[in-house]
Amino acid sequence: MRDAYAARILVVEDDSALREVIVGLLTRDGYREVHGAGTVADALAAIATWRPDVMLLDVMLPDGNGFDLLRTVRQTSQVPAIFLSARDEDEARLRGLGLGADDYVTKPFLPRELLLRLSAVLRRTYGAGDEPQVVHLGATTVDLGSGEVGRSDGRVEPLTAKEHAILERLARSRGAIVTTDELARAVWGDDFGYANALMVHVRRLREKVEADPSDPRWILTARGLGYRLARGDGR
């Protein structure tokens, strides 16, 4: 799977409001195939017919529980699974991992935490979602692994955490517009009222990677929409 955003994600959560929030979060982040289920029966039906690439499982479900659901699934499939549970005791966490879950996330969780954990599971399982580790911007090279900007004159500058998150998200969709809301979610985990702060961080990022920050060649503004990272040909 070369494109992590093509992964089929099954969200098993009996709280319909929370289920919609999670499905919406994943969809807004760019995942194109996200399906929700509220019961063990619905989940098993979806697994049999839709064959998800990864499952997000609640523990407490109206017709059973996520532990038994995963135990049943593991009889025929090794599809990766992440538990999302309000049960934070060690016993529950160890039980889930012992059944073959790939991760266990305790509610409430930060949206960005869930996105990062999901990306990590997809990357480990399928080699998918590998964000480019080195971004070439003309004579400037950004190593996302080390978080450093290498300039043509030999200078090396570190990226801040927010600058790193912005560039990583833009690089993932290089050439395409990434909306202001999407970038805000990548940096802060939600999109509430961060447009002005985002502009400040983009300006500072341009100062590190652009030859002329006032006339950027690489990090381009799509007025009224967001930003995009120009491809290697400058388009």
C-alpha atoms as a PDB file:
ATOM      1  CA  MET A   1       0.000   0.000   0.000  1.00  0.00           C
ATOM      2  CA  ARG A   2       1.818   3.078  -1.261  1.00  0.00           C
ATOM      3  CA  ASP A   3      -0.910   5.556  -0.327  1.00  0.00           C
ATOM      4  CA  ALA A   4      -1.834   5.430   3.356  1.00  0.00           C
ATOM      5  CA  TYR A   5      -4.830   7.641   2.676  1.00  0.00           C
ATOM      6  CA  ALA A   6      -6.355   4.869   0.573  1.00  0.00           C
ATOM      7  CA  ALA A   7      -6.473   2.600   3.637  1.00  0.00           C
ATOM      8  CA  ARG A   8      -9.917   1.284   4.551  1.00  0.00           C
ATOM      9  CA  ILE A   9     -10.513   2.215   8.189  1.00  0.00           C
ATOM     10  CA  LEU A  10     -13.269   0.661  10.300  1.00  0.00           C
ATOM     11  CA  VAL A  11     -14.287   2.670  13.376  1.00  0.00           C
ATOM     12  CA  VAL A  12     -16.156   0.489  15.893  1.00  0.00           C
ATOM     13  CA  GLU A  13     -17.711   2.771  18.524  1.00  0.00           C
ATOM     14  CA  ASP A  14     -21.172   2.507  20.093  1.00  0.00           C
ATOM     15  CA  ASP A  15     -21.398   6.225  20.938  1.00  0.00           C
ATOM     16  CA  SER A  16     -22.777   7.559  17.654  1.00  0.00           C
ATOM     17  CA  ALA A  17     -21.688  11.143  18.344  1.00  0.00           C
ATOM     18  CA  LEU A  18     -18.108  10.112  19.110  1.00  0.00           C
ATOM     19  CA  ARG A  19     -18.110   7.739  16.155  1.00  0.00           C
ATOM     20  CA  GLU A  20     -19.074  10.603  13.854  1.00  0.00           C
ATOM     21  CA  VAL A  21     -16.350  12.793  15.366  1.00  0.00           C
ATOM     22  CA  ILE A  22     -13.693  10.139  14.728  1.00  0.00           C
ATOM     23  CA  VAL A  23     -14.920   9.411  11.206  1.00  0.00           C
ATOM     24  CA  GLY A  24     -14.977  13.151  10.490  1.00  0.00           C
ATOM     25  CA  LEU A  25     -11.479  13.633  11.902  1.00  0.00           C
ATOM     26  CA  LEU A  26     -10.045  10.897   9.698  1.00  0.00           C
ATOM     27  CA  THR A  27     -11.922  12.081   6.626  1.00  0.00           C
ATOM     28  CA  ARG A  28     -10.798  15.678   7.071  1.00  0.00           C
ATOM     29  CA  ASP A  29      -7.213  14.512   7.469  1.00  0.00           C
ATOM     30  CA  GLY A  30      -7.431  12.947   4.018  1.00  0.00           C
ATOM     31  CA  TYR A  31      -8.408   9.309   4.568  1.00  0.00           C
ATOM     32  CA  ARG A  32     -10.814   8.472   1.781  1.00  0.00           C
ATOM     33  CA  GLU A  33     -12.443   5.241   2.979  1.00  0.00           C
ATOM     34  CA  VAL A  34     -13.701   5.371   6.564  1.00  0.00           C
ATOM     35  CA  HIS A  35     -16.626   3.259   7.743  1.00  0.00           C
ATOM     36  CA  GLY A  36     -18.367   3.277  11.126  1.00  0.00           C
ATOM     37  CA  ALA A  37     -20.003   0.462  13.087  1.00  0.00           C
ATOM     38  CA  GLY A  38     -21.813   0.648  16.416  1.00  0.00           C
ATOM     39  CA  THR A  39     -22.079  -3.013  17.389  1.00  0.00           C
ATOM     40  CA  VAL A  40     -20.074  -6.229  17.262  1.00  0.00           C
ATOM     41  CA  ALA A  41     -22.537  -7.623  14.710  1.00  0.00           C
ATOM     42  CA  ASP A  42     -22.183  -4.614  12.416  1.00  0.00           C
ATOM     43  CA  ALA A  43     -18.405  -4.722  12.772  1.00  0.00           C
ATOM     44  CA  LEU A  44     -18.203  -8.428  11.867  1.00  0.00           C
ATOM     45  CA  ALA A  45     -20.426  -7.838   8.845  1.00  0.00           C
ATOM     46  CA  ALA A  46     -18.225  -4.959   7.690  1.00  0.00           C
ATOM     47  CA  ILE A  47     -15.064  -7.008   8.209  1.00  0.00           C
ATOM     48  CA  ALA A  48     -16.480  -9.892   6.163  1.00  0.00           C
ATOM     49  CA  THR A  49     -17.700  -7.787   3.244  1.00  0.00           C
ATOM     50  CA  TRP A  50     -15.553  -4.642   3.260  1.00  0.00           C
ATOM     51  CA  ARG A  51     -12.236  -6.082   4.490  1.00  0.00           C
ATOM     52  CA  PRO A  52     -10.778  -3.066   6.316  1.00  0.00           C
ATOM     53  CA  ASP A  53      -7.041  -2.408   6.403  1.00  0.00           C
ATOM     54  CA  VAL A  54      -7.137  -1.229  10.021  1.00  0.00           C
ATOM     55  CA  MET A  55      -9.701  -1.183  12.840  1.00  0.00           C
ATOM     56  CA  LEU A  56     -10.256   1.311  15.648  1.00  0.00           C
ATOM     57  CA  LEU A  57     -12.076  -0.581  18.401  1.00  0.00           C
ATOM     58  CA  ASP A  58     -14.029   0.562  21.428  1.00  0.00           C
ATOM     59  CA  VAL A  59     -13.971  -1.915  24.311  1.00  0.00           C
ATOM     60  CA  MET A  60     -17.535  -1.612  25.605  1.00  0.00           C
ATOM     61  CA  LEU A  61     -20.142  -2.398  22.936  1.00  0.00           C
ATOM     62  CA  PRO A  62     -23.890  -3.042  23.324  1.00  0.00           C
ATOM     63  CA  ASP A  63     -23.773  -6.656  22.104  1.00  0.00           C
ATOM     64  CA  GLY A  64     -20.358  -7.656  23.401  1.00  0.00           C
ATOM     65  CA  ASN A  65     -16.946  -6.098  23.765  1.00  0.00           C
ATOM     66  CA  GLY A  66     -13.956  -5.157  21.677  1.00  0.00           C
ATOM     67  CA  PHE A  67     -11.747  -7.804  23.273  1.00  0.00           C
ATOM     68  CA  ASP A  68     -14.005 -10.654  22.161  1.00  0.00           C
ATOM     69  CA  LEU A  69     -14.445  -8.997  18.773  1.00  0.00           C
ATOM     70  CA  LEU A  70     -10.692  -8.902  18.212  1.00  0.00           C
ATOM     71  CA  ARG A  71     -10.332 -12.490  19.434  1.00  0.00           C
ATOM     72  CA  THR A  72     -12.886 -13.565  16.816  1.00  0.00           C
ATOM     73  CA  VAL A  73     -11.215 -11.550  14.071  1.00  0.00           C
ATOM     74  CA  ARG A  74      -7.790 -12.974  14.931  1.00  0.00           C
ATOM     75  CA  GLN A  75      -9.034 -16.477  14.074  1.00  0.00           C
ATOM     76  CA  THR A  76      -9.010 -15.556  10.395  1.00  0.00           C
ATOM     77  CA  SER A  77      -7.252 -12.211  10.003  1.00  0.00           C
ATOM     78  CA  GLN A  78      -4.246 -10.244  11.211  1.00  0.00           C
ATOM     79  CA  VAL A  79      -5.746  -6.875  10.264  1.00  0.00           C
ATOM     80  CA  PRO A  80      -4.137  -4.248  12.534  1.00  0.00           C
ATOM     81  CA  ALA A  81      -6.258  -2.947  15.400  1.00  0.00           C
ATOM     82  CA  ILE A  82      -6.075   0.026  17.740  1.00  0.00           C
ATOM     83  CA  PHE A  83      -8.192   0.051  20.885  1.00  0.00           C
ATOM     84  CA  LEU A  84      -9.832   3.356  21.840  1.00  0.00           C
ATOM     85  CA  SER A  85     -11.060   2.946  25.390  1.00  0.00           C
ATOM     86  CA  ALA A  86     -12.012   4.895  28.493  1.00  0.00           C
ATOM     87  CA  ARG A  87     -10.581   1.988  30.499  1.00  0.00           C
ATOM     88  CA  ASP A  88      -7.093   3.122  31.415  1.00  0.00           C
ATOM     89  CA  GLU A  89      -6.157   0.432  33.927  1.00  0.00           C
ATOM     90  CA  ASP A  90      -3.079  -1.625  33.119  1.00  0.00           C
ATOM     91  CA  GLU A  91      -5.041  -4.875  33.072  1.00  0.00           C
ATOM     92  CA  ALA A  92      -7.289  -3.701  30.227  1.00  0.00           C
ATOM     93  CA  ARG A  93      -4.365  -2.307  28.242  1.00  0.00           C
ATOM     94  CA  LEU A  94      -2.339  -5.508  28.629  1.00  0.00           C
ATOM     95  CA  ARG A  95      -5.346  -7.636  27.745  1.00  0.00           C
ATOM     96  CA  GLY A  96      -5.875  -5.719  24.510  1.00  0.00           C
ATOM     97  CA  LEU A  97      -2.234  -5.879  23.507  1.00  0.00           C
ATOM     98  CA  GLY A  98      -2.102  -9.536  24.481  1.00  0.00           C
ATOM     99  CA  LEU A  99      -4.931 -10.298  22.062  1.00  0.00           C
ATOM    100  CA  GLY A 100      -2.863  -8.850  19.238  1.00  0.00           C
ATOM    101  CA  ALA A 101      -3.870  -5.187  19.197  1.00  0.00           C
ATOM    102  CA  ASP A 102      -1.249  -2.918  17.654  1.00  0.00           C
ATOM    103  CA  ASP A 103      -1.914  -0.023  20.029  1.00  0.00           C
ATOM    104  CA  TYR A 104      -4.154   1.033  22.911  1.00  0.00           C
ATOM    105  CA  VAL A 105      -5.264   4.664  23.171  1.00  0.00           C
ATOM    106  CA  THR A 106      -7.020   5.922  26.281  1.00  0.00           C
ATOM    107  CA  LYS A 107     -10.000   8.276  25.994  1.00  0.00           C
ATOM    108  CA  PRO A 108     -10.066  11.205  25.974  1.00  0.00           C
ATOM    109  CA  PHE A 109      -7.267  11.577  23.457  1.00  0.00           C
ATOM    110  CA  LEU A 110      -5.903  14.450  21.406  1.00  0.00           C
ATOM    111  CA  PRO A 111      -6.990  14.292  17.751  1.00  0.00           C
ATOM    112  CA  ARG A 112      -3.403  14.631  16.568  1.00  0.00           C
ATOM    113  CA  GLU A 113      -2.335  11.803  18.874  1.00  0.00           C
ATOM    114  CA  LEU A 114      -4.835   9.468  17.231  1.00  0.00           C
ATOM    115  CA  LEU A 115      -3.722  10.528  13.751  1.00  0.00           C
ATOM    116  CA  LEU A 116      -0.070   9.952  14.609  1.00  0.00           C
ATOM    117  CA  ARG A 117      -0.723   6.554  16.180  1.00  0.00           C
ATOM    118  CA  LEU A 118      -2.829   5.475  13.206  1.00  0.00           C
ATOM    119  CA  SER A 119      -0.134   6.628  10.785  1.00  0.00           C
ATOM    120  CA  ALA A 120       2.494   4.700  12.753  1.00  0.00           C
ATOM    121  CA  VAL A 121       0.453   1.478  12.663  1.00  0.00           C
ATOM    122  CA  LEU A 122      -0.134   1.788   8.908  1.00  0.00           C
ATOM    123  CA  ARG A 123       3.543   2.482   8.355  1.00  0.00           C
ATOM    124  CA  ARG A 124       4.665  -0.507  10.438  1.00  0.00           C
ATOM    125  CA  THR A 125       2.147  -2.862   8.865  1.00  0.00           C
ATOM    126  CA  TYR A 126       2.090  -1.847   5.236  1.00  0.00           C
ATOM    127  CA  GLY A 127       5.044   0.473   4.793  1.00  0.00           C
ATOM    128  CA  ALA A 128       2.360   3.041   4.010  1.00  0.00           C
ATOM    129  CA  GLY A 129       2.050   6.638   4.988  1.00  0.00           C
ATOM    130  CA  ASP A 130       5.795   7.191   4.870  1.00  0.00           C
ATOM    131  CA  GLU A 131       6.057  10.920   4.762  1.00  0.00           C
ATOM    132  CA  PRO A 132       9.049  12.046   2.705  1.00  0.00           C
ATOM    133  CA  GLN A 133      11.998  12.229   5.071  1.00  0.00           C
ATOM    134  CA  VAL A 134      13.975  14.603   2.869  1.00  0.00           C
ATOM    135  CA  VAL A 135      12.290  17.518   1.109  1.00  0.00           C
ATOM    136  CA  HIS A 136      14.232  19.219  -1.671  1.00  0.00           C
ATOM    137  CA  LEU A 137      13.418  22.884  -2.230  1.00  0.00           C
ATOM    138  CA  GLY A 138      15.843  23.949  -4.907  1.00  0.00           C
ATOM    139  CA  ALA A 139      19.248  24.386  -3.281  1.00  0.00           C
ATOM    140  CA  THR A 140      17.694  23.986   0.170  1.00  0.00           C
ATOM    141  CA  THR A 141      17.232  20.544   1.695  1.00  0.00           C
ATOM    142  CA  VAL A 142      14.999  19.808   4.669  1.00  0.00           C
ATOM    143  CA  ASP A 143      15.590  16.607   6.607  1.00  0.00           C
ATOM    144  CA  LEU A 144      12.314  15.865   8.374  1.00  0.00           C
ATOM    145  CA  GLY A 145      13.959  13.035  10.258  1.00  0.00           C
ATOM    146  CA  SER A 146      16.356  15.372  12.047  1.00  0.00           C
ATOM    147  CA  GLY A 147      14.192  18.493  11.712  1.00  0.00           C
ATOM    148  CA  GLU A 148      17.009  20.480  10.105  1.00  0.00           C
ATOM    149  CA  VAL A 149      17.166  22.829   7.134  1.00  0.00           C
ATOM    150  CA  GLY A 150      20.366  22.663   5.087  1.00  0.00           C
ATOM    151  CA  ARG A 151      21.058  25.840   3.116  1.00  0.00           C
ATOM    152  CA  SER A 152      23.183  26.143  -0.013  1.00  0.00           C
ATOM    153  CA  ASP A 153      25.731  28.217   1.915  1.00  0.00           C
ATOM    154  CA  GLY A 154      26.280  25.357   4.346  1.00  0.00           C
ATOM    155  CA  ARG A 155      24.219  26.811   7.188  1.00  0.00           C
ATOM    156  CA  VAL A 156      21.973  24.434   9.098  1.00  0.00           C
ATOM    157  CA  GLU A 157      18.885  25.686  10.935  1.00  0.00           C
ATOM    158  CA  PRO A 158      16.543  23.663  13.146  1.00  0.00           C
ATOM    159  CA  LEU A 159      12.802  23.611  12.588  1.00  0.00           C
ATOM    160  CA  THR A 160      10.459  24.214  15.484  1.00  0.00           C
ATOM    161  CA  ALA A 161       7.872  21.521  16.194  1.00  0.00           C
ATOM    162  CA  LYS A 162       5.113  23.571  14.567  1.00  0.00           C
ATOM    163  CA  GLU A 163       7.213  24.399  11.500  1.00  0.00           C
ATOM    164  CA  HIS A 164       8.022  20.707  11.183  1.00  0.00           C
ATOM    165  CA  ALA A 165       4.327  19.736  11.371  1.00  0.00           C
ATOM    166  CA  ILE A 166       3.412  22.323   8.716  1.00  0.00           C
ATOM    167  CA  LEU A 167       6.100  21.263   6.265  1.00  0.00           C
ATOM    168  CA  GLU A 168       5.462  17.563   6.845  1.00  0.00           C
ATOM    169  CA  ARG A 169       1.751  17.994   6.046  1.00  0.00           C
ATOM    170  CA  LEU A 170       2.466  20.092   2.949  1.00  0.00           C
ATOM    171  CA  ALA A 171       5.095  17.622   1.729  1.00  0.00           C
ATOM    172  CA  ARG A 172       2.649  14.749   2.109  1.00  0.00           C
ATOM    173  CA  SER A 173       0.390  16.417  -0.486  1.00  0.00           C
ATOM    174  CA  ARG A 174       3.095  18.156  -2.487  1.00  0.00           C
ATOM    175  CA  GLY A 175       1.684  20.107  -5.404  1.00  0.00           C
ATOM    176  CA  ALA A 176      -1.854  20.111  -3.982  1.00  0.00           C
ATOM    177  CA  ILE A 177      -3.567  22.724  -1.833  1.00  0.00           C
ATOM    178  CA  VAL A 178      -3.772  21.901   1.860  1.00  0.00           C
ATOM    179  CA  THR A 179      -6.506  23.939   3.494  1.00  0.00           C
ATOM    180  CA  THR A 180      -5.907  26.199   6.456  1.00  0.00           C
ATOM    181  CA  ASP A 181      -8.109  23.931   8.572  1.00  0.00           C
ATOM    182  CA  GLU A 182      -6.137  20.825   7.582  1.00  0.00           C
ATOM    183  CA  LEU A 183      -2.849  22.496   8.474  1.00  0.00           C
ATOM    184  CA  ALA A 184      -4.229  23.709  11.791  1.00  0.00           C
ATOM    185  CA  ARG A 185      -5.315  20.168  12.647  1.00  0.00           C
ATOM    186  CA  ALA A 186      -1.866  18.863  11.723  1.00  0.00           C
ATOM    187  CA  VAL A 187      -0.224  21.387  14.054  1.00  0.00           C
ATOM    188  CA  TRP A 188      -2.663  21.805  16.956  1.00  0.00           C
ATOM    189  CA  GLY A 189      -5.003  18.833  16.636  1.00  0.00           C
ATOM    190  CA  ASP A 190      -8.060  20.942  15.810  1.00  0.00           C
ATOM    191  CA  ASP A 191      -8.946  23.859  13.563  1.00  0.00           C
ATOM    192  CA  PHE A 192     -10.499  26.317  15.987  1.00  0.00           C
ATOM    193  CA  GLY A 193      -9.233  29.882  15.555  1.00  0.00           C
ATOM    194  CA  TYR A 194      -5.658  29.174  14.501  1.00  0.00           C
ATOM    195  CA  ALA A 195      -5.570  30.947  11.113  1.00  0.00           C
ATOM    196  CA  ASN A 196      -3.567  33.952  12.324  1.00  0.00           C
ATOM    197  CA  ALA A 197      -1.145  31.836  14.341  1.00  0.00           C
ATOM    198  CA  LEU A 198      -0.682  29.584  11.318  1.00  0.00           C
ATOM    199  CA  MET A 199       0.246  32.584   9.172  1.00  0.00           C
ATOM    200  CA  VAL A 200       2.963  33.507  11.662  1.00  0.00           C
ATOM    201  CA  HIS A 201       4.477  30.018  11.632  1.00  0.00           C
ATOM    202  CA  VAL A 202       4.309  29.817   7.829  1.00  0.00           C
ATOM    203  CA  ARG A 203       6.115  33.153   7.594  1.00  0.00           C
ATOM    204  CA  ARG A 204       8.862  31.917   9.902  1.00  0.00           C
ATOM    205  CA  LEU A 205       9.132  28.672   7.966  1.00  0.00           C
ATOM    206  CA  ARG A 206       9.532  30.626   4.735  1.00  0.00           C
ATOM    207  CA  GLU A 207      12.332  32.617   6.317  1.00  0.00           C
ATOM    208  CA  LYS A 208      14.201  29.348   6.782  1.00  0.00           C
ATOM    209  CA  VAL A 209      13.556  27.650   3.437  1.00  0.00           C
ATOM    210  CA  GLU A 210      12.967  30.417   0.881  1.00  0.00           C
ATOM    211  CA  ALA A 211      15.674  32.447  -0.850  1.00  0.00           C
ATOM    212  CA  ASP A 212      13.260  35.407  -0.783  1.00  0.00           C
ATOM    213  CA  PRO A 213      10.556  34.916   1.884  1.00  0.00           C
ATOM    214  CA  SER A 214       8.625  37.949   0.607  1.00  0.00           C
ATOM    215  CA  ASP A 215       8.342  36.313  -2.830  1.00  0.00           C
ATOM    216  CA  PRO A 216       8.171  32.599  -2.012  1.00  0.00           C
ATOM    217  CA  ARG A 217       8.842  29.987  -4.644  1.00  0.00           C
ATOM    218  CA  TRP A 218       8.076  26.871  -2.633  1.00  0.00           C
ATOM    219  CA  ILE A 219       5.520  27.496   0.119  1.00  0.00           C
ATOM    220  CA  LEU A 220       2.758  29.191  -1.826  1.00  0.00           C
ATOM    221  CA  THR A 221      -0.437  30.806  -0.574  1.00  0.00           C
ATOM    222  CA  ALA A 222      -3.730  29.732  -2.124  1.00  0.00           C
ATOM    223  CA  ARG A 223      -5.789  32.769  -1.205  1.00  0.00           C
ATOM    224  CA  GLY A 224      -8.927  31.954   0.704  1.00  0.00           C
ATOM    225  CA  LEU A 225      -8.041  28.266   0.792  1.00  0.00           C
ATOM    226  CA  GLY A 226      -4.688  27.472   2.384  1.00  0.00           C
ATOM    227  CA  TYR A 227      -1.180  26.686   1.211  1.00  0.00           C
ATOM    228  CA  ARG A 228       0.636  24.314  -1.094  1.00  0.00           C
ATOM    229  CA  LEU A 229       4.196  23.137  -1.461  1.00  0.00           C
ATOM    230  CA  ALA A 230       5.396  23.550  -5.035  1.00  0.00           C
ATOM    231  CA  ARG A 231       6.800  20.459  -6.707  1.00  0.00           C
ATOM    232  CA  GLY A 232      10.421  20.141  -7.741  1.00  0.00           C
ATOM    233  CA  ASP A 233       9.705  21.907 -11.006  1.00  0.00           C
ATOM    234  CA  GLY A 234       8.466  24.916  -9.037  1.00  0.00           C
ATOM    235  CA  ARG A 235       4.787  24.394  -9.903  1.00  0.00           C
END
